[in-house]
Amino acid sequence: MNLYNWIKELLSMPTPIQVAARQLATAELELLRSETGVEYASSMVTFNKNQIKRLRAYISTKTVEVSE
């Protein structure tokens, strides 16, 4: 592609198909980002539940030891 055609293409109005293709690519990227966020949030919920269970067990064990 020569310089003239490249500049012409750069300055021309995109076709509806080109606009739709760009919007689709953007939507797919946003979906991937959102799914990553969901995976992270789900992992954090699991982490916090496990931490709470572990800490409750620890406190319960230590409370029994202190009262004996």
Protein backbone atom coordinates (compact mmCIF):
# COMPACT_ATOMS: atom_id res chain seq x y z
CA MET A 1 0.00 0.00 0.00
CA ASN A 2 1.44 3.32 -0.96
CA LEU A 3 1.39 6.44 1.21
CA TYR A 4 -1.46 8.09 -0.69
CA ASN A 5 -3.79 5.11 -0.28
CA TRP A 6 -2.84 4.75 3.39
CA ILE A 7 -3.67 8.41 4.10
CA LYS A 8 -6.88 8.15 2.05
CA GLU A 9 -7.97 5.10 4.05
CA LEU A 10 -7.01 6.78 7.31
CA LEU A 11 -9.14 9.86 6.57
CA SER A 12 -12.14 8.12 4.99
CA MET A 13 -15.36 7.41 6.85
CA PRO A 14 -15.53 3.84 8.12
CA THR A 15 -18.23 1.59 6.70
CA PRO A 16 -21.01 0.35 8.95
CA ILE A 17 -19.38 -3.12 8.87
CA GLN A 18 -16.07 -1.66 10.05
CA VAL A 19 -17.80 0.23 12.87
CA ALA A 20 -19.71 -2.91 13.89
CA ALA A 21 -16.49 -4.97 13.82
CA ARG A 22 -14.72 -2.44 16.08
CA GLN A 23 -17.69 -2.39 18.47
CA LEU A 24 -17.73 -6.19 18.55
CA ALA A 25 -14.01 -6.32 19.33
CA THR A 26 -14.49 -3.76 22.11
CA ALA A 27 -17.44 -5.68 23.55
CA GLU A 28 -15.44 -8.93 23.54
CA LEU A 29 -12.55 -7.25 25.36
CA GLU A 30 -14.91 -5.80 27.95
CA LEU A 31 -16.48 -9.24 28.44
CA LEU A 32 -13.05 -10.76 29.09
CA ARG A 33 -12.24 -7.99 31.59
CA SER A 34 -15.59 -8.49 33.31
CA GLU A 35 -15.13 -12.26 33.50
CA THR A 36 -11.70 -11.72 35.02
CA GLY A 37 -13.29 -9.45 37.62
CA VAL A 38 -15.92 -12.09 38.42
CA GLU A 39 -13.23 -14.76 38.82
CA TYR A 40 -11.24 -12.49 41.13
CA ALA A 41 -14.30 -11.59 43.23
CA SER A 42 -15.33 -15.24 43.49
CA SER A 43 -11.84 -16.19 44.63
CA MET A 44 -11.88 -13.42 47.24
CA VAL A 45 -15.24 -14.63 48.59
CA THR A 46 -13.86 -18.17 48.92
CA PHE A 47 -10.66 -16.86 50.52
CA ASN A 48 -12.57 -14.78 53.08
CA LYS A 49 -14.95 -17.63 53.97
CA ASN A 50 -12.01 -19.97 54.52
CA GLN A 51 -10.19 -17.36 56.58
CA ILE A 52 -13.25 -16.79 58.77
CA LYS A 53 -13.66 -20.54 59.30
CA ARG A 54 -9.98 -20.89 60.21
CA LEU A 55 -9.99 -17.92 62.58
CA ARG A 56 -13.20 -19.05 64.32
CA ALA A 57 -11.69 -22.50 64.84
CA TYR A 58 -8.49 -20.94 66.18
CA ILE A 59 -10.38 -18.66 68.59
CA SER A 60 -12.61 -21.53 69.69
CA THR A 61 -9.56 -23.73 70.39
CA LYS A 62 -7.73 -21.00 72.29
CA THR A 63 -10.84 -20.12 74.31
CA VAL A 64 -11.15 -23.76 75.45
CA GLU A 65 -7.43 -23.84 76.41
CA VAL A 66 -7.71 -20.64 78.44
CA SER A 67 -10.80 -21.78 80.34
CA GLU A 68 -9.23 -25.10 81.36
